[in-house]
Amino acid sequence: MNTIQRLTGFLSMMAIAVMAVSCGGETLPKPEAYLRLDYPMGKYVALDQPCPYTFGYNSMAQLKPGKDCSSLEIHYPKMKATIYLNYKPVNGNLEELLRDAQTLTYKQVVKADDIREQPYINPEKKSYGMFYEVGGNAATNAQFYVTDSLHHFLAGSVYFYAKPNFDSIMPAASYLRDDMRNIMETVKWK
């Protein structure tokens, strides 16, 4: 056997060994991936409307006031979402307003994985309320209400203009939850 035959035999054995070692694993499909979405920190400005309340909202959003301050929309075009705010005066109907706000939230139970309630109490501002985080593929993933218990009641919820798929909208949903929490915590009654 000459050197070329030995070298050819050696290379053939190495090729067979490499193939035997490399063919042992099972091929798995890669999971679907979503874009990484990062949003800049919000800069908040005060609501400048002749309403019985004011709050801070994100300057990157577009405010669309309704008539007589009973409804406001805060649009986030880049996120394809809107925060809807509804104001009602309290005239001995606080129980009804609270029940309506809670009913709206718990209608999401069908699609929601869980609903976390976070009470809000600020006696200095005379503001009391509840912030709801709705987990899963529900139509809305955050809602709140805030009241002074005597004269004012403000409720808010966020909706995306897309089929709910919480995994894909999670960065935007988290960002908007922070904005909603800011609205709730900065409400001042006039």
N, C-alpha and C. Protein backbone atom coordinates (compact mmCIF):
# COMPACT_ATOMS: atom_id res chain seq x y z
N MET A 1 0.83 -1.16 0.00
CA MET A 1 0.00 0.00 0.00
C MET A 1 0.88 1.24 0.00
N ASN A 2 0.61 2.10 -0.90
CA ASN A 2 1.45 3.30 -0.97
C ASN A 2 0.85 4.42 -0.12
N THR A 3 1.54 5.51 -0.07
CA THR A 3 1.18 6.64 0.79
C THR A 3 -0.14 7.25 0.35
N ILE A 4 -0.39 7.34 -0.90
CA ILE A 4 -1.63 7.94 -1.41
C ILE A 4 -2.82 7.07 -1.01
N GLN A 5 -2.67 5.76 -1.11
CA GLN A 5 -3.76 4.87 -0.74
C GLN A 5 -4.03 4.97 0.77
N ARG A 6 -2.98 5.04 1.57
CA ARG A 6 -3.17 5.18 3.02
C ARG A 6 -3.86 6.51 3.35
N LEU A 7 -3.43 7.59 2.71
CA LEU A 7 -4.02 8.90 2.96
C LEU A 7 -5.49 8.92 2.53
N THR A 8 -5.79 8.32 1.40
CA THR A 8 -7.17 8.23 0.92
C THR A 8 -8.02 7.41 1.88
N GLY A 9 -7.50 6.31 2.37
CA GLY A 9 -8.21 5.48 3.34
C GLY A 9 -8.45 6.23 4.64
N PHE A 10 -7.42 6.95 5.09
CA PHE A 10 -7.54 7.72 6.33
C PHE A 10 -8.60 8.81 6.20
N LEU A 11 -8.58 9.52 5.07
CA LEU A 11 -9.57 10.58 4.84
C LEU A 11 -10.99 10.01 4.73
N SER A 12 -11.11 8.84 4.11
CA SER A 12 -12.43 8.20 4.00
C SER A 12 -12.96 7.83 5.37
N MET A 13 -12.08 7.28 6.22
CA MET A 13 -12.49 6.91 7.59
C MET A 13 -12.88 8.16 8.40
N MET A 14 -12.14 9.24 8.23
CA MET A 14 -12.45 10.48 8.94
C MET A 14 -13.80 11.04 8.49
N ALA A 15 -14.06 11.00 7.20
CA ALA A 15 -15.33 11.49 6.67
C ALA A 15 -16.50 10.68 7.22
N ILE A 16 -16.34 9.36 7.29
CA ILE A 16 -17.39 8.49 7.83
C ILE A 16 -17.58 8.78 9.32
N ALA A 17 -16.50 8.99 10.05
CA ALA A 17 -16.58 9.28 11.48
C ALA A 17 -17.28 10.62 11.72
N VAL A 18 -16.95 11.63 10.93
CA VAL A 18 -17.58 12.95 11.09
C VAL A 18 -19.08 12.85 10.79
N MET A 19 -19.45 12.12 9.75
CA MET A 19 -20.86 11.96 9.41
C MET A 19 -21.60 11.20 10.50
N ALA A 20 -21.00 10.19 11.06
CA ALA A 20 -21.65 9.41 12.11
C ALA A 20 -21.89 10.25 13.36
N VAL A 21 -20.95 11.11 13.70
CA VAL A 21 -21.08 11.95 14.89
C VAL A 21 -22.08 13.08 14.65
N SER A 22 -22.10 13.65 13.47
CA SER A 22 -22.94 14.82 13.21
C SER A 22 -24.39 14.47 12.92
N CYS A 23 -24.74 13.27 12.67
CA CYS A 23 -26.10 12.91 12.29
C CYS A 23 -26.94 12.42 13.46
N GLY A 24 -26.56 12.71 14.68
CA GLY A 24 -27.29 12.17 15.82
C GLY A 24 -28.42 13.03 16.32
N GLY A 25 -28.43 14.32 16.08
CA GLY A 25 -29.44 15.22 16.67
C GLY A 25 -30.71 15.30 15.87
N GLU A 26 -31.79 15.62 16.58
CA GLU A 26 -33.08 15.79 15.93
C GLU A 26 -33.22 17.26 15.51
N THR A 27 -33.70 17.51 14.31
CA THR A 27 -33.88 18.87 13.82
C THR A 27 -35.22 19.39 14.31
N LEU A 28 -35.21 20.58 14.95
CA LEU A 28 -36.43 21.18 15.47
C LEU A 28 -36.71 22.48 14.71
N PRO A 29 -37.99 22.75 14.44
CA PRO A 29 -38.30 24.03 13.78
C PRO A 29 -38.06 25.19 14.75
N LYS A 30 -37.67 26.32 14.21
CA LYS A 30 -37.45 27.50 15.04
C LYS A 30 -38.80 28.12 15.37
N PRO A 31 -38.96 28.62 16.60
CA PRO A 31 -40.23 29.27 16.94
C PRO A 31 -40.38 30.59 16.20
N GLU A 32 -41.65 31.05 16.07
CA GLU A 32 -41.89 32.35 15.45
C GLU A 32 -41.24 33.43 16.28
N ALA A 33 -40.76 34.44 15.63
CA ALA A 33 -40.11 35.55 16.33
C ALA A 33 -40.89 36.83 16.08
N TYR A 34 -40.79 37.76 17.01
CA TYR A 34 -41.42 39.06 16.88
C TYR A 34 -40.34 40.14 16.91
N LEU A 35 -40.65 41.25 16.30
CA LEU A 35 -39.71 42.36 16.31
C LEU A 35 -39.50 42.87 17.73
N ARG A 36 -38.33 43.32 18.02
CA ARG A 36 -38.08 43.96 19.30
C ARG A 36 -38.48 45.43 19.14
N LEU A 37 -39.42 45.84 19.96
CA LEU A 37 -39.92 47.20 19.88
C LEU A 37 -39.52 47.96 21.14
N ASP A 38 -38.76 49.00 20.98
CA ASP A 38 -38.38 49.87 22.08
C ASP A 38 -39.00 51.24 21.85
N TYR A 39 -39.54 51.80 22.91
CA TYR A 39 -40.17 53.11 22.81
C TYR A 39 -39.45 54.08 23.73
N PRO A 40 -39.34 55.34 23.32
CA PRO A 40 -38.66 56.32 24.17
C PRO A 40 -39.46 56.61 25.44
N MET A 41 -38.76 57.07 26.46
CA MET A 41 -39.42 57.44 27.71
C MET A 41 -40.46 58.53 27.41
N GLY A 42 -41.59 58.41 28.06
CA GLY A 42 -42.64 59.39 27.85
C GLY A 42 -42.34 60.72 28.51
N LYS A 43 -42.66 61.79 27.81
CA LYS A 43 -42.61 63.14 28.37
C LYS A 43 -44.05 63.56 28.53
N TYR A 44 -44.43 63.87 29.75
CA TYR A 44 -45.83 64.14 30.03
C TYR A 44 -46.13 65.63 30.08
N VAL A 45 -47.27 65.98 29.50
CA VAL A 45 -47.75 67.36 29.50
C VAL A 45 -49.13 67.37 30.15
N ALA A 46 -49.49 68.51 30.71
CA ALA A 46 -50.79 68.63 31.37
C ALA A 46 -51.90 68.81 30.34
N LEU A 47 -53.02 68.19 30.60
CA LEU A 47 -54.21 68.35 29.78
C LEU A 47 -54.65 69.81 29.86
N ASP A 48 -54.79 70.44 28.71
CA ASP A 48 -55.16 71.85 28.66
C ASP A 48 -56.53 71.96 28.00
N GLN A 49 -57.55 71.53 28.70
CA GLN A 49 -58.92 71.57 28.21
C GLN A 49 -59.80 72.14 29.33
N PRO A 50 -60.92 72.73 28.99
CA PRO A 50 -61.83 73.26 30.02
C PRO A 50 -62.68 72.16 30.66
N CYS A 51 -62.02 71.19 31.25
CA CYS A 51 -62.69 70.03 31.84
C CYS A 51 -62.68 70.14 33.37
N PRO A 52 -63.54 69.39 34.04
CA PRO A 52 -63.54 69.41 35.51
C PRO A 52 -62.39 68.59 36.11
N TYR A 53 -61.44 68.21 35.30
CA TYR A 53 -60.29 67.44 35.73
C TYR A 53 -59.10 67.77 34.84
N THR A 54 -57.94 67.42 35.28
CA THR A 54 -56.73 67.52 34.47
C THR A 54 -55.84 66.33 34.82
N PHE A 55 -54.89 66.03 33.96
CA PHE A 55 -53.93 64.95 34.20
C PHE A 55 -52.77 65.13 33.25
N GLY A 56 -51.72 64.37 33.46
CA GLY A 56 -50.58 64.39 32.55
C GLY A 56 -50.70 63.27 31.54
N TYR A 57 -50.47 63.60 30.27
CA TYR A 57 -50.49 62.56 29.23
C TYR A 57 -49.23 62.67 28.38
N ASN A 58 -48.90 61.61 27.68
CA ASN A 58 -47.68 61.50 26.89
C ASN A 58 -47.71 62.49 25.72
N SER A 59 -46.67 63.29 25.61
CA SER A 59 -46.61 64.31 24.54
C SER A 59 -46.49 63.68 23.15
N MET A 60 -46.08 62.42 23.05
CA MET A 60 -45.97 61.75 21.75
C MET A 60 -47.35 61.31 21.23
N ALA A 61 -48.35 61.32 22.09
CA ALA A 61 -49.69 60.89 21.71
C ALA A 61 -50.47 62.08 21.15
N GLN A 62 -51.54 61.75 20.44
CA GLN A 62 -52.41 62.78 19.87
C GLN A 62 -53.72 62.80 20.65
N LEU A 63 -54.04 63.94 21.22
CA LEU A 63 -55.25 64.08 22.02
C LEU A 63 -56.42 64.47 21.12
N LYS A 64 -57.52 63.74 21.27
CA LYS A 64 -58.74 64.07 20.53
C LYS A 64 -59.86 64.27 21.56
N PRO A 65 -60.14 65.54 21.90
CA PRO A 65 -61.19 65.79 22.89
C PRO A 65 -62.58 65.55 22.33
N GLY A 66 -63.47 65.09 23.20
CA GLY A 66 -64.87 64.93 22.83
C GLY A 66 -65.64 66.17 23.24
N LYS A 67 -66.96 66.14 23.07
CA LYS A 67 -67.73 67.30 23.51
C LYS A 67 -67.89 67.26 25.02
N ASP A 68 -67.93 68.39 25.59
CA ASP A 68 -68.16 68.65 27.02
C ASP A 68 -67.32 67.79 27.97
N CYS A 69 -66.16 67.36 27.55
CA CYS A 69 -65.19 66.62 28.38
C CYS A 69 -65.69 65.28 28.90
N SER A 70 -66.82 64.79 28.39
CA SER A 70 -67.30 63.49 28.86
C SER A 70 -66.52 62.34 28.24
N SER A 71 -65.83 62.61 27.14
CA SER A 71 -64.98 61.57 26.54
C SER A 71 -63.76 62.21 25.90
N LEU A 72 -62.65 61.53 26.02
CA LEU A 72 -61.38 61.93 25.39
C LEU A 72 -60.75 60.68 24.79
N GLU A 73 -60.03 60.88 23.71
CA GLU A 73 -59.26 59.79 23.11
C GLU A 73 -57.81 60.23 23.02
N ILE A 74 -56.92 59.35 23.42
CA ILE A 74 -55.48 59.61 23.31
C ILE A 74 -54.94 58.57 22.34
N HIS A 75 -54.59 59.04 21.14
CA HIS A 75 -54.16 58.14 20.06
C HIS A 75 -52.64 57.98 20.05
N TYR A 76 -52.21 56.75 19.79
CA TYR A 76 -50.81 56.39 19.63
C TYR A 76 -50.67 55.75 18.24
N PRO A 77 -50.53 56.57 17.18
CA PRO A 77 -50.53 56.02 15.82
C PRO A 77 -49.42 55.00 15.57
N LYS A 78 -48.23 55.20 16.09
CA LYS A 78 -47.13 54.26 15.85
C LYS A 78 -47.40 52.90 16.48
N MET A 79 -48.16 52.88 17.55
CA MET A 79 -48.48 51.62 18.24
C MET A 79 -49.83 51.07 17.82
N LYS A 80 -50.54 51.84 17.00
CA LYS A 80 -51.88 51.47 16.55
C LYS A 80 -52.78 51.16 17.75
N ALA A 81 -52.85 52.14 18.66
CA ALA A 81 -53.63 51.97 19.88
C ALA A 81 -54.25 53.30 20.29
N THR A 82 -55.29 53.20 21.11
CA THR A 82 -55.97 54.38 21.65
C THR A 82 -56.36 54.12 23.09
N ILE A 83 -56.15 55.13 23.93
CA ILE A 83 -56.68 55.11 25.28
C ILE A 83 -57.97 55.92 25.25
N TYR A 84 -59.06 55.30 25.67
CA TYR A 84 -60.36 55.95 25.71
C TYR A 84 -60.67 56.34 27.15
N LEU A 85 -61.00 57.59 27.37
CA LEU A 85 -61.34 58.09 28.70
C LEU A 85 -62.79 58.57 28.70
N ASN A 86 -63.53 58.21 29.74
CA ASN A 86 -64.92 58.63 29.90
C ASN A 86 -65.11 59.24 31.27
N TYR A 87 -65.67 60.43 31.28
CA TYR A 87 -65.92 61.15 32.53
C TYR A 87 -67.42 61.22 32.77
N LYS A 88 -67.80 61.03 34.03
CA LYS A 88 -69.20 61.19 34.43
C LYS A 88 -69.23 61.87 35.79
N PRO A 89 -70.14 62.81 35.94
CA PRO A 89 -70.28 63.41 37.27
C PRO A 89 -70.97 62.43 38.22
N VAL A 90 -70.60 62.49 39.48
CA VAL A 90 -71.23 61.64 40.49
C VAL A 90 -72.40 62.42 41.09
N ASN A 91 -73.58 61.87 40.96
CA ASN A 91 -74.80 62.48 41.49
C ASN A 91 -75.58 61.42 42.25
N GLY A 92 -74.99 60.87 43.30
CA GLY A 92 -75.64 59.80 44.05
C GLY A 92 -75.64 58.48 43.31
N ASN A 93 -74.87 58.37 42.23
CA ASN A 93 -74.85 57.16 41.41
C ASN A 93 -73.47 56.47 41.43
N LEU A 94 -72.71 56.69 42.47
CA LEU A 94 -71.35 56.13 42.52
C LEU A 94 -71.36 54.61 42.44
N GLU A 95 -72.29 53.96 43.14
CA GLU A 95 -72.35 52.49 43.09
C GLU A 95 -72.57 52.00 41.66
N GLU A 96 -73.46 52.64 40.95
CA GLU A 96 -73.75 52.26 39.56
C GLU A 96 -72.52 52.47 38.67
N LEU A 97 -71.81 53.60 38.84
CA LEU A 97 -70.61 53.87 38.05
C LEU A 97 -69.52 52.83 38.34
N LEU A 98 -69.34 52.49 39.60
CA LEU A 98 -68.35 51.47 39.97
C LEU A 98 -68.73 50.11 39.38
N ARG A 99 -69.99 49.76 39.49
CA ARG A 99 -70.45 48.48 38.95
C ARG A 99 -70.24 48.41 37.44
N ASP A 100 -70.56 49.51 36.72
CA ASP A 100 -70.36 49.54 35.27
C ASP A 100 -68.88 49.37 34.90
N ALA A 101 -68.00 50.06 35.63
CA ALA A 101 -66.56 49.96 35.35
C ALA A 101 -66.05 48.54 35.61
N GLN A 102 -66.50 47.93 36.68
CA GLN A 102 -66.06 46.57 37.00
C GLN A 102 -66.65 45.56 36.02
N THR A 103 -67.90 45.76 35.60
CA THR A 103 -68.52 44.86 34.63
C THR A 103 -67.76 44.90 33.30
N LEU A 104 -67.39 46.11 32.86
CA LEU A 104 -66.64 46.24 31.61
C LEU A 104 -65.33 45.45 31.70
N THR A 105 -64.65 45.54 32.83
CA THR A 105 -63.39 44.82 33.00
C THR A 105 -63.62 43.32 33.00
N TYR A 106 -64.57 42.85 33.74
CA TYR A 106 -64.76 41.41 33.89
C TYR A 106 -65.44 40.75 32.70
N LYS A 107 -65.89 41.54 31.72
CA LYS A 107 -66.35 40.96 30.46
C LYS A 107 -65.17 40.36 29.70
N GLN A 108 -63.95 40.78 30.06
CA GLN A 108 -62.75 40.29 29.39
C GLN A 108 -62.34 38.89 29.87
N VAL A 109 -63.00 38.38 30.91
CA VAL A 109 -62.64 37.09 31.51
C VAL A 109 -62.65 35.96 30.49
N VAL A 110 -63.52 36.04 29.51
CA VAL A 110 -63.63 34.99 28.50
C VAL A 110 -62.29 34.77 27.78
N LYS A 111 -61.61 35.85 27.41
CA LYS A 111 -60.34 35.75 26.68
C LYS A 111 -59.11 35.94 27.58
N ALA A 112 -59.31 36.47 28.77
CA ALA A 112 -58.18 36.81 29.63
C ALA A 112 -57.62 35.58 30.34
N ASP A 113 -56.31 35.59 30.55
CA ASP A 113 -55.67 34.55 31.35
C ASP A 113 -55.84 34.88 32.83
N ASP A 114 -55.73 36.16 33.16
CA ASP A 114 -55.91 36.60 34.53
C ASP A 114 -56.20 38.10 34.54
N ILE A 115 -56.78 38.57 35.63
CA ILE A 115 -57.04 40.00 35.82
C ILE A 115 -56.49 40.36 37.19
N ARG A 116 -55.51 41.28 37.19
CA ARG A 116 -54.93 41.74 38.46
C ARG A 116 -55.50 43.10 38.81
N GLU A 117 -56.01 43.20 40.01
CA GLU A 117 -56.56 44.46 40.52
C GLU A 117 -55.51 45.14 41.38
N GLN A 118 -55.29 46.42 41.13
CA GLN A 118 -54.33 47.19 41.92
C GLN A 118 -55.05 48.44 42.42
N PRO A 119 -55.42 48.46 43.72
CA PRO A 119 -56.12 49.63 44.26
C PRO A 119 -55.23 50.87 44.24
N TYR A 120 -55.86 52.02 44.08
CA TYR A 120 -55.16 53.30 44.10
C TYR A 120 -55.85 54.20 45.12
N ILE A 121 -55.08 54.70 46.06
CA ILE A 121 -55.62 55.57 47.11
C ILE A 121 -54.66 56.74 47.28
N ASN A 122 -55.17 57.96 47.08
CA ASN A 122 -54.37 59.16 47.30
C ASN A 122 -55.25 60.20 48.01
N PRO A 123 -55.27 60.15 49.37
CA PRO A 123 -56.15 61.06 50.12
C PRO A 123 -55.82 62.54 49.91
N GLU A 124 -54.54 62.88 49.67
CA GLU A 124 -54.19 64.29 49.47
C GLU A 124 -54.86 64.86 48.23
N LYS A 125 -54.95 64.07 47.16
CA LYS A 125 -55.60 64.53 45.93
C LYS A 125 -57.09 64.19 45.90
N LYS A 126 -57.54 63.49 46.93
CA LYS A 126 -58.92 63.00 46.98
C LYS A 126 -59.23 62.15 45.76
N SER A 127 -58.33 61.22 45.48
CA SER A 127 -58.48 60.31 44.34
C SER A 127 -58.38 58.87 44.83
N TYR A 128 -59.36 58.08 44.41
CA TYR A 128 -59.43 56.67 44.80
C TYR A 128 -59.84 55.89 43.56
N GLY A 129 -59.25 54.74 43.36
CA GLY A 129 -59.62 53.99 42.17
C GLY A 129 -59.04 52.60 42.14
N MET A 130 -59.10 52.03 40.96
CA MET A 130 -58.61 50.67 40.74
C MET A 130 -57.98 50.62 39.35
N PHE A 131 -56.81 49.97 39.29
CA PHE A 131 -56.14 49.75 38.01
C PHE A 131 -56.19 48.25 37.74
N TYR A 132 -56.64 47.87 36.56
CA TYR A 132 -56.76 46.47 36.18
C TYR A 132 -55.76 46.13 35.08
N GLU A 133 -54.96 45.10 35.31
CA GLU A 133 -54.10 44.55 34.26
C GLU A 133 -54.73 43.25 33.81
N VAL A 134 -55.05 43.18 32.53
CA VAL A 134 -55.71 42.02 31.96
C VAL A 134 -54.68 41.23 31.17
N GLY A 135 -54.39 40.01 31.59
CA GLY A 135 -53.40 39.18 30.91
C GLY A 135 -54.04 38.31 29.84
N GLY A 136 -53.29 38.01 28.80
CA GLY A 136 -53.79 37.14 27.74
C GLY A 136 -54.24 37.92 26.52
N ASN A 137 -54.99 37.26 25.66
CA ASN A 137 -55.41 37.84 24.38
C ASN A 137 -56.77 38.52 24.46
N ALA A 138 -56.99 39.31 25.48
CA ALA A 138 -58.24 40.05 25.63
C ALA A 138 -58.22 41.29 24.74
N ALA A 139 -59.39 41.86 24.49
CA ALA A 139 -59.48 43.04 23.64
C ALA A 139 -58.76 44.24 24.25
N THR A 140 -58.79 44.35 25.56
CA THR A 140 -58.07 45.41 26.25
C THR A 140 -57.18 44.77 27.31
N ASN A 141 -56.01 45.32 27.51
CA ASN A 141 -55.13 44.70 28.51
C ASN A 141 -54.92 45.58 29.73
N ALA A 142 -55.54 46.75 29.76
CA ALA A 142 -55.45 47.61 30.93
C ALA A 142 -56.68 48.53 30.98
N GLN A 143 -57.20 48.68 32.19
CA GLN A 143 -58.33 49.57 32.42
C GLN A 143 -58.17 50.17 33.80
N PHE A 144 -58.82 51.30 34.02
CA PHE A 144 -58.80 51.89 35.35
C PHE A 144 -60.04 52.74 35.55
N TYR A 145 -60.29 53.05 36.80
CA TYR A 145 -61.23 54.11 37.13
C TYR A 145 -60.66 54.85 38.33
N VAL A 146 -61.00 56.13 38.41
CA VAL A 146 -60.56 56.97 39.52
C VAL A 146 -61.70 57.94 39.83
N THR A 147 -61.91 58.21 41.12
CA THR A 147 -63.01 59.06 41.55
C THR A 147 -62.62 59.81 42.82
N ASP A 148 -63.34 60.89 43.08
CA ASP A 148 -63.19 61.56 44.37
C ASP A 148 -64.31 61.14 45.31
N SER A 149 -65.17 60.25 44.85
CA SER A 149 -66.31 59.67 45.58
C SER A 149 -67.48 60.62 45.78
N LEU A 150 -67.33 61.89 45.45
CA LEU A 150 -68.41 62.85 45.67
C LEU A 150 -68.91 63.52 44.40
N HIS A 151 -67.98 63.91 43.51
CA HIS A 151 -68.39 64.71 42.35
C HIS A 151 -67.91 64.17 41.00
N HIS A 152 -66.79 63.46 40.98
CA HIS A 152 -66.15 63.12 39.70
C HIS A 152 -65.86 61.62 39.60
N PHE A 153 -65.96 61.11 38.35
CA PHE A 153 -65.64 59.71 38.06
C PHE A 153 -65.03 59.65 36.66
N LEU A 154 -63.81 59.13 36.55
CA LEU A 154 -63.11 59.01 35.27
C LEU A 154 -62.68 57.57 35.07
N ALA A 155 -63.01 57.00 33.93
CA ALA A 155 -62.63 55.62 33.60
C ALA A 155 -61.85 55.62 32.30
N GLY A 156 -60.90 54.70 32.19
CA GLY A 156 -60.08 54.61 30.99
C GLY A 156 -59.78 53.18 30.61
N SER A 157 -59.59 52.95 29.32
CA SER A 157 -59.19 51.63 28.82
C SER A 157 -58.41 51.81 27.53
N VAL A 158 -57.56 50.85 27.24
CA VAL A 158 -56.73 50.91 26.04
C VAL A 158 -57.16 49.81 25.08
N TYR A 159 -57.18 50.14 23.79
CA TYR A 159 -57.52 49.17 22.75
C TYR A 159 -56.52 49.32 21.61
N PHE A 160 -56.12 48.18 21.05
CA PHE A 160 -55.24 48.15 19.88
C PHE A 160 -56.08 47.91 18.64
N TYR A 161 -55.62 48.44 17.50
CA TYR A 161 -56.34 48.25 16.23
C TYR A 161 -55.87 46.98 15.54
N ALA A 162 -55.73 45.93 16.27
CA ALA A 162 -55.24 44.67 15.71
C ALA A 162 -55.86 43.52 16.50
N LYS A 163 -55.85 42.35 15.88
CA LYS A 163 -56.31 41.16 16.59
C LYS A 163 -55.42 40.97 17.82
N PRO A 164 -56.02 40.76 18.99
CA PRO A 164 -55.19 40.64 20.19
C PRO A 164 -54.29 39.41 20.15
N ASN A 165 -53.01 39.62 20.20
CA ASN A 165 -52.01 38.57 20.35
C ASN A 165 -50.99 39.14 21.31
N PHE A 166 -51.17 38.85 22.59
CA PHE A 166 -50.42 39.53 23.62
C PHE A 166 -48.92 39.42 23.44
N ASP A 167 -48.43 38.29 22.92
CA ASP A 167 -46.98 38.14 22.73
C ASP A 167 -46.43 39.19 21.78
N SER A 168 -47.17 39.52 20.73
CA SER A 168 -46.64 40.45 19.74
C SER A 168 -46.81 41.92 20.15
N ILE A 169 -47.83 42.22 20.97
CA ILE A 169 -48.04 43.61 21.36
C ILE A 169 -47.51 43.92 22.76
N MET A 170 -46.86 42.96 23.39
CA MET A 170 -46.44 43.14 24.78
C MET A 170 -45.62 44.40 25.03
N PRO A 171 -44.62 44.75 24.21
CA PRO A 171 -43.87 45.98 24.49
C PRO A 171 -44.76 47.23 24.44
N ALA A 172 -45.63 47.31 23.46
CA ALA A 172 -46.52 48.46 23.36
C ALA A 172 -47.54 48.44 24.49
N ALA A 173 -48.05 47.27 24.83
CA ALA A 173 -49.03 47.16 25.92
C ALA A 173 -48.41 47.60 27.24
N SER A 174 -47.19 47.21 27.48
CA SER A 174 -46.50 47.61 28.71
C SER A 174 -46.29 49.12 28.75
N TYR A 175 -45.89 49.69 27.64
CA TYR A 175 -45.68 51.14 27.53
C TYR A 175 -46.98 51.89 27.82
N LEU A 176 -48.08 51.43 27.22
CA LEU A 176 -49.36 52.10 27.39
C LEU A 176 -49.92 51.90 28.81
N ARG A 177 -49.64 50.76 29.42
CA ARG A 177 -50.04 50.57 30.82
C ARG A 177 -49.38 51.61 31.71
N ASP A 178 -48.10 51.88 31.45
CA ASP A 178 -47.40 52.91 32.22
C ASP A 178 -48.03 54.28 31.99
N ASP A 179 -48.38 54.58 30.75
CA ASP A 179 -49.03 55.86 30.46
C ASP A 179 -50.40 55.96 31.15
N MET A 180 -51.15 54.87 31.15
CA MET A 180 -52.45 54.87 31.80
C MET A 180 -52.30 55.05 33.32
N ARG A 181 -51.32 54.37 33.87
CA ARG A 181 -51.07 54.51 35.31
C ARG A 181 -50.71 55.97 35.63
N ASN A 182 -49.93 56.59 34.75
CA ASN A 182 -49.58 58.01 34.93
C ASN A 182 -50.82 58.89 34.89
N ILE A 183 -51.71 58.64 33.95
CA ILE A 183 -52.97 59.41 33.86
C ILE A 183 -53.73 59.27 35.19
N MET A 184 -53.89 58.06 35.64
CA MET A 184 -54.64 57.80 36.86
C MET A 184 -54.01 58.50 38.07
N GLU A 185 -52.69 58.44 38.17
CA GLU A 185 -52.01 58.98 39.34
C GLU A 185 -51.84 60.50 39.30
N THR A 186 -52.01 61.11 38.13
CA THR A 186 -51.86 62.56 38.04
C THR A 186 -53.18 63.31 37.94
N VAL A 187 -54.30 62.59 38.02
CA VAL A 187 -55.60 63.25 37.93
C VAL A 187 -55.74 64.25 39.08
N LYS A 188 -56.19 65.45 38.71
CA LYS A 188 -56.55 66.48 39.70
C LYS A 188 -57.94 66.94 39.36
N TRP A 189 -58.77 67.05 40.37
CA TRP A 189 -60.14 67.49 40.16
C TRP A 189 -60.21 69.00 40.30
N LYS A 190 -61.02 69.63 39.48
CA LYS A 190 -61.20 71.09 39.53
C LYS A 190 -62.46 71.44 40.30
